[in-house]
């Protein structure tokens, strides 16, 4: 049973990566492969530095693992392992990855600025303060 659950989750993650991310990139964010990123257009050797894919993956993975390791076990204690598994597996693909992908696209389109700076441009100083507090 455990092996089937692990394989099902792996298949879900693979489908999310291979299919859902491509759909989001093409239909929702209108990404184009030839677009220059801020790391290349604003390269200064300090804040804007082009990196290899493996390095980018490591940074991204380390920055997105925040709440899930804490919230998943809490859900399991309160409601059982099925809701926890659904939260971790489906929540990661349908909520977490979409949020992080969208944040990355918004930041890249705003010359690599932080989400707080982008929020200030769009919604004002209070939004920036809130984003920086979070």
C-alpha atoms as a PDB file:
ATOM      1  CA  UNK A   1       0.000   0.000   0.000  1.00  0.00           C
ATOM      2  CA  UNK A   2       2.765   2.430   0.937  1.00  0.00           C
ATOM      3  CA  UNK A   3       4.576   1.771  -2.325  1.00  0.00           C
ATOM      4  CA  UNK A   4       1.410   2.511  -4.301  1.00  0.00           C
ATOM      5  CA  UNK A   5       0.928   5.813  -2.453  1.00  0.00           C
ATOM      6  CA  UNK A   6       4.539   6.835  -3.101  1.00  0.00           C
ATOM      7  CA  UNK A   7       4.270   5.919  -6.793  1.00  0.00           C
ATOM      8  CA  UNK A   8       0.975   7.808  -7.103  1.00  0.00           C
ATOM      9  CA  UNK A   9       2.517  10.915  -5.523  1.00  0.00           C
ATOM     10  CA  UNK A  10       5.558  10.619  -7.782  1.00  0.00           C
ATOM     11  CA  UNK A  11       3.272  10.376 -10.830  1.00  0.00           C
ATOM     12  CA  UNK A  12       1.342  13.437  -9.629  1.00  0.00           C
ATOM     13  CA  UNK A  13       4.540  15.453  -9.200  1.00  0.00           C
ATOM     14  CA  UNK A  14       5.846  14.327 -12.597  1.00  0.00           C
ATOM     15  CA  UNK A  15       2.564  15.286 -14.295  1.00  0.00           C
ATOM     16  CA  UNK A  16       2.597  18.631 -12.511  1.00  0.00           C
ATOM     17  CA  UNK A  17       6.147  19.307 -13.638  1.00  0.00           C
ATOM     18  CA  UNK A  18       5.857  18.045 -17.199  1.00  0.00           C
ATOM     19  CA  UNK A  19       2.285  19.051 -18.080  1.00  0.00           C
ATOM     20  CA  UNK A  20       0.833  21.604 -15.652  1.00  0.00           C
ATOM     21  CA  UNK A  21       3.930  23.820 -15.544  1.00  0.00           C
ATOM     22  CA  UNK A  22       4.074  23.943 -19.352  1.00  0.00           C
ATOM     23  CA  UNK A  23       0.389  24.854 -19.496  1.00  0.00           C
ATOM     24  CA  UNK A  24       0.870  27.588 -16.888  1.00  0.00           C
ATOM     25  CA  UNK A  25       3.900  28.950 -18.714  1.00  0.00           C
ATOM     26  CA  UNK A  26       2.169  29.046 -22.089  1.00  0.00           C
ATOM     27  CA  UNK A  27      -1.431  29.931 -21.216  1.00  0.00           C
ATOM     28  CA  UNK A  28      -1.326  31.829 -17.933  1.00  0.00           C
ATOM     29  CA  UNK A  29       2.046  33.600 -17.924  1.00  0.00           C
ATOM     30  CA  UNK A  30       2.675  33.765 -21.708  1.00  0.00           C
ATOM     31  CA  UNK A  31       6.351  32.870 -21.333  1.00  0.00           C
ATOM     32  CA  UNK A  32       8.669  33.019 -24.319  1.00  0.00           C
ATOM     33  CA  UNK A  33      11.962  31.072 -24.366  1.00  0.00           C
ATOM     34  CA  UNK A  34      13.971  33.923 -25.905  1.00  0.00           C
ATOM     35  CA  UNK A  35      13.112  36.467 -23.186  1.00  0.00           C
ATOM     36  CA  UNK A  36      16.205  37.815 -21.432  1.00  0.00           C
ATOM     37  CA  UNK A  37      16.126  37.514 -17.640  1.00  0.00           C
ATOM     38  CA  UNK A  38      17.345  40.246 -15.262  1.00  0.00           C
ATOM     39  CA  UNK A  39      20.375  38.084 -14.412  1.00  0.00           C
ATOM     40  CA  UNK A  40      21.588  38.616 -17.985  1.00  0.00           C
ATOM     41  CA  UNK A  41      20.262  42.084 -18.826  1.00  0.00           C
ATOM     42  CA  UNK A  42      21.358  43.669 -15.520  1.00  0.00           C
ATOM     43  CA  UNK A  43      24.401  41.486 -14.803  1.00  0.00           C
ATOM     44  CA  UNK A  44      26.688  43.236 -12.317  1.00  0.00           C
ATOM     45  CA  UNK A  45      28.539  40.344 -10.689  1.00  0.00           C
ATOM     46  CA  UNK A  46      26.915  40.978  -7.297  1.00  0.00           C
ATOM     47  CA  UNK A  47      23.112  41.055  -7.271  1.00  0.00           C
ATOM     48  CA  UNK A  48      22.433  39.957 -10.834  1.00  0.00           C
ATOM     49  CA  UNK A  49      24.507  36.911 -11.754  1.00  0.00           C
ATOM     50  CA  UNK A  50      23.518  34.213 -14.283  1.00  0.00           C
ATOM     51  CA  UNK A  51      23.589  30.771 -12.642  1.00  0.00           C
ATOM     52  CA  UNK A  52      23.574  27.188 -13.854  1.00  0.00           C
ATOM     53  CA  UNK A  53      20.256  25.306 -13.740  1.00  0.00           C
ATOM     54  CA  UNK A  54      21.436  23.010 -10.950  1.00  0.00           C
ATOM     55  CA  UNK A  55      22.311  25.970  -8.730  1.00  0.00           C
ATOM     56  CA  UNK A  56      18.974  27.650  -9.466  1.00  0.00           C
ATOM     57  CA  UNK A  57      17.114  24.438  -8.658  1.00  0.00           C
ATOM     58  CA  UNK A  58      18.921  24.167  -5.324  1.00  0.00           C
ATOM     59  CA  UNK A  59      18.125  27.758  -4.372  1.00  0.00           C
ATOM     60  CA  UNK A  60      14.502  27.409  -5.429  1.00  0.00           C
ATOM     61  CA  UNK A  61      14.058  24.104  -3.592  1.00  0.00           C
ATOM     62  CA  UNK A  62      15.543  25.530  -0.400  1.00  0.00           C
ATOM     63  CA  UNK A  63      13.315  28.603  -0.507  1.00  0.00           C
ATOM     64  CA  UNK A  64       9.984  26.842  -1.154  1.00  0.00           C
ATOM     65  CA  UNK A  65      10.090  24.172   1.547  1.00  0.00           C
ATOM     66  CA  UNK A  66       9.009  26.607   4.267  1.00  0.00           C
ATOM     67  CA  UNK A  67       5.558  25.779   5.655  1.00  0.00           C
ATOM     68  CA  UNK A  68       4.856  22.315   4.290  1.00  0.00           C
ATOM     69  CA  UNK A  69       7.169  20.357   6.646  1.00  0.00           C
ATOM     70  CA  UNK A  70       5.422  21.983   9.614  1.00  0.00           C
ATOM     71  CA  UNK A  71       1.835  22.029   8.389  1.00  0.00           C
ATOM     72  CA  UNK A  72       1.716  18.503   6.934  1.00  0.00           C
ATOM     73  CA  UNK A  73       2.400  16.737  10.264  1.00  0.00           C
ATOM     74  CA  UNK A  74       0.013  19.081  12.082  1.00  0.00           C
ATOM     75  CA  UNK A  75      -2.772  18.171   9.657  1.00  0.00           C
ATOM     76  CA  UNK A  76      -1.899  14.486  10.095  1.00  0.00           C
ATOM     77  CA  UNK A  77      -2.171  14.739  13.886  1.00  0.00           C
ATOM     78  CA  UNK A  78      -5.513  16.538  13.738  1.00  0.00           C
ATOM     79  CA  UNK A  79      -7.303  14.868  10.793  1.00  0.00           C
ATOM     80  CA  UNK A  80      -5.286  11.779   9.888  1.00  0.00           C
ATOM     81  CA  UNK A  81      -2.868  10.761   7.186  1.00  0.00           C
ATOM     82  CA  UNK A  82      -5.188  11.000   4.147  1.00  0.00           C
ATOM     83  CA  UNK A  83      -5.895  14.756   4.473  1.00  0.00           C
ATOM     84  CA  UNK A  84      -2.209  15.324   5.239  1.00  0.00           C
ATOM     85  CA  UNK A  85      -1.162  13.400   2.139  1.00  0.00           C
ATOM     86  CA  UNK A  86      -3.669  15.313   0.015  1.00  0.00           C
ATOM     87  CA  UNK A  87      -2.427  18.610   1.454  1.00  0.00           C
ATOM     88  CA  UNK A  88       1.211  17.836   0.783  1.00  0.00           C
ATOM     89  CA  UNK A  89       0.767  16.186  -2.627  1.00  0.00           C
ATOM     90  CA  UNK A  90      -2.029  18.247  -4.197  1.00  0.00           C
ATOM     91  CA  UNK A  91      -1.279  21.434  -2.293  1.00  0.00           C
ATOM     92  CA  UNK A  92       2.316  21.414  -3.484  1.00  0.00           C
ATOM     93  CA  UNK A  93       1.363  21.054  -7.154  1.00  0.00           C
ATOM     94  CA  UNK A  94      -1.812  23.156  -7.293  1.00  0.00           C
ATOM     95  CA  UNK A  95      -1.024  25.885  -4.756  1.00  0.00           C
ATOM     96  CA  UNK A  96       2.649  26.048  -3.804  1.00  0.00           C
ATOM     97  CA  UNK A  97       4.176  25.583  -7.230  1.00  0.00           C
ATOM     98  CA  UNK A  98       1.726  27.966  -8.901  1.00  0.00           C
ATOM     99  CA  UNK A  99       2.415  30.630  -6.269  1.00  0.00           C
ATOM    100  CA  UNK A 100       6.179  30.285  -6.585  1.00  0.00           C
ATOM    101  CA  UNK A 101       6.075  30.167 -10.391  1.00  0.00           C
ATOM    102  CA  UNK A 102       3.883  33.277 -10.480  1.00  0.00           C
ATOM    103  CA  UNK A 103       6.115  35.128  -8.020  1.00  0.00           C
ATOM    104  CA  UNK A 104       9.164  34.279 -10.105  1.00  0.00           C
ATOM    105  CA  UNK A 105       7.523  35.516 -13.321  1.00  0.00           C
ATOM    106  CA  UNK A 106       6.303  38.749 -11.695  1.00  0.00           C
ATOM    107  CA  UNK A 107       9.744  39.418 -10.217  1.00  0.00           C
ATOM    108  CA  UNK A 108      11.526  38.671 -13.507  1.00  0.00           C
ATOM    109  CA  UNK A 109       9.199  40.996 -15.410  1.00  0.00           C
ATOM    110  CA  UNK A 110       9.861  43.742 -12.842  1.00  0.00           C
ATOM    111  CA  UNK A 111      13.642  43.667 -13.465  1.00  0.00           C
ATOM    112  CA  UNK A 112      14.293  41.195 -10.644  1.00  0.00           C
ATOM    113  CA  UNK A 113      12.790  43.354  -7.908  1.00  0.00           C
ATOM    114  CA  UNK A 114      11.428  41.784  -4.742  1.00  0.00           C
ATOM    115  CA  UNK A 115       7.742  41.061  -4.312  1.00  0.00           C
ATOM    116  CA  UNK A 116       7.564  43.910  -1.786  1.00  0.00           C
ATOM    117  CA  UNK A 117       8.795  46.428  -4.354  1.00  0.00           C
ATOM    118  CA  UNK A 118       6.394  45.058  -6.975  1.00  0.00           C
ATOM    119  CA  UNK A 119       3.514  45.270  -4.470  1.00  0.00           C
ATOM    120  CA  UNK A 120       4.432  48.892  -3.740  1.00  0.00           C
ATOM    121  CA  UNK A 121       4.370  49.745  -7.447  1.00  0.00           C
ATOM    122  CA  UNK A 122       0.966  48.140  -7.919  1.00  0.00           C
ATOM    123  CA  UNK A 123      -0.788  48.793  -4.591  1.00  0.00           C
ATOM    124  CA  UNK A 124       1.142  51.361  -2.538  1.00  0.00           C
ATOM    125  CA  UNK A 125       3.433  51.610   0.488  1.00  0.00           C
ATOM    126  CA  UNK A 126       1.201  49.638   2.851  1.00  0.00           C
ATOM    127  CA  UNK A 127       1.338  46.628   0.552  1.00  0.00           C
ATOM    128  CA  UNK A 128       5.135  46.838   0.505  1.00  0.00           C
ATOM    129  CA  UNK A 129       5.266  46.979   4.303  1.00  0.00           C
ATOM    130  CA  UNK A 130       2.953  43.976   4.534  1.00  0.00           C
ATOM    131  CA  UNK A 131       4.999  41.945   2.043  1.00  0.00           C
ATOM    132  CA  UNK A 132       8.233  42.732   3.853  1.00  0.00           C
ATOM    133  CA  UNK A 133       6.673  41.868   7.232  1.00  0.00           C
ATOM    134  CA  UNK A 134       5.557  38.487   5.942  1.00  0.00           C
END
